[in-house]
């Protein structure tokens, strides 16, 4: 059902992914297969980052999953669309 959505928003929390809560590969594979563009904004920020191709967004998510995994206070709001 989520794959049929034209627009999807999610919270990306690297700290949770570092534990047993999830795997970044599952998330990025789903986004790559179903969406063409998106935007990442730091949590609690009103500063839009700008829309970018899904491949660039996925690269950022993978990097942030690694670099922010020990900081429980860091999260990102992610918007993706077809």
Protein backbone atom coordinates (compact mmCIF):
# COMPACT_ATOMS: atom_id res chain seq x y z
CA UNK A 1 0.00 0.00 0.00
CA UNK A 2 2.81 2.47 0.79
CA UNK A 3 4.36 1.82 -2.61
CA UNK A 4 1.23 3.23 -4.28
CA UNK A 5 1.47 6.56 -2.43
CA UNK A 6 2.28 9.63 -4.51
CA UNK A 7 3.83 11.35 -1.48
CA UNK A 8 5.29 9.79 1.67
CA UNK A 9 6.69 11.40 4.80
CA UNK A 10 8.75 9.59 7.40
CA UNK A 11 10.99 10.25 10.34
CA UNK A 12 14.49 8.89 9.89
CA UNK A 13 16.19 8.25 13.26
CA UNK A 14 19.73 6.85 12.88
CA UNK A 15 20.04 6.06 16.60
CA UNK A 16 17.13 3.62 16.40
CA UNK A 17 18.52 2.01 13.26
CA UNK A 18 21.82 1.36 15.04
CA UNK A 19 20.06 -0.97 17.47
CA UNK A 20 17.65 -3.78 16.79
CA UNK A 21 14.89 -1.47 15.55
CA UNK A 22 15.68 -1.54 11.86
CA UNK A 23 17.97 -1.70 8.91
CA UNK A 24 18.75 1.27 6.66
CA UNK A 25 19.00 -1.07 3.66
CA UNK A 26 15.32 -1.98 3.89
CA UNK A 27 14.34 1.70 3.95
CA UNK A 28 16.57 2.84 1.10
CA UNK A 29 15.65 -0.13 -1.11
CA UNK A 30 11.97 0.70 -0.68
CA UNK A 31 12.51 4.40 -1.44
CA UNK A 32 14.69 3.64 -4.49
CA UNK A 33 12.11 1.25 -5.93
CA UNK A 34 9.08 3.49 -5.45
CA UNK A 35 10.00 7.18 -5.55
CA UNK A 36 11.92 9.55 -7.81
CA UNK A 37 12.70 12.58 -5.65
CA UNK A 38 12.68 13.81 -2.09
CA UNK A 39 13.91 16.13 0.61
CA UNK A 40 15.63 15.68 3.98
CA UNK A 41 15.21 18.25 6.75
CA UNK A 42 16.87 18.08 10.16
CA UNK A 43 14.30 17.40 12.86
CA UNK A 44 12.80 20.49 14.49
CA UNK A 45 14.11 22.65 11.64
CA UNK A 46 12.07 24.95 9.47
CA UNK A 47 14.84 25.29 6.88
CA UNK A 48 13.92 23.48 3.66
CA UNK A 49 16.83 21.63 2.12
CA UNK A 50 15.42 21.47 -1.39
CA UNK A 51 14.19 18.59 -3.48
CA UNK A 52 16.77 16.25 -4.98
CA UNK A 53 16.80 13.04 -7.02
CA UNK A 54 16.12 9.90 -5.00
CA UNK A 55 19.66 8.55 -5.57
CA UNK A 56 21.19 11.64 -3.91
CA UNK A 57 18.69 11.48 -1.05
CA UNK A 58 19.50 7.81 -0.46
CA UNK A 59 23.24 8.56 -0.39
CA UNK A 60 22.58 11.15 2.31
CA UNK A 61 20.43 8.78 4.36
CA UNK A 62 23.12 6.10 4.28
CA UNK A 63 25.80 8.58 5.35
CA UNK A 64 23.62 10.02 8.11
CA UNK A 65 22.69 6.56 9.37
CA UNK A 66 26.39 5.98 9.96
CA UNK A 67 27.48 9.41 11.20
CA UNK A 68 24.55 10.04 13.57
CA UNK A 69 23.91 6.56 14.94
CA UNK A 70 25.27 7.33 18.43
CA UNK A 71 23.29 10.55 18.93
CA UNK A 72 19.81 9.81 20.23
CA UNK A 73 18.70 13.42 19.68
CA UNK A 74 19.35 13.56 15.92
CA UNK A 75 16.56 12.72 13.51
CA UNK A 76 15.42 13.83 10.09
CA UNK A 77 12.08 14.44 8.42
CA UNK A 78 12.05 12.91 4.95
CA UNK A 79 9.58 13.60 2.14
CA UNK A 80 9.60 11.52 -1.04
CA UNK A 81 7.38 11.62 -4.10
CA UNK A 82 6.85 9.88 -7.42
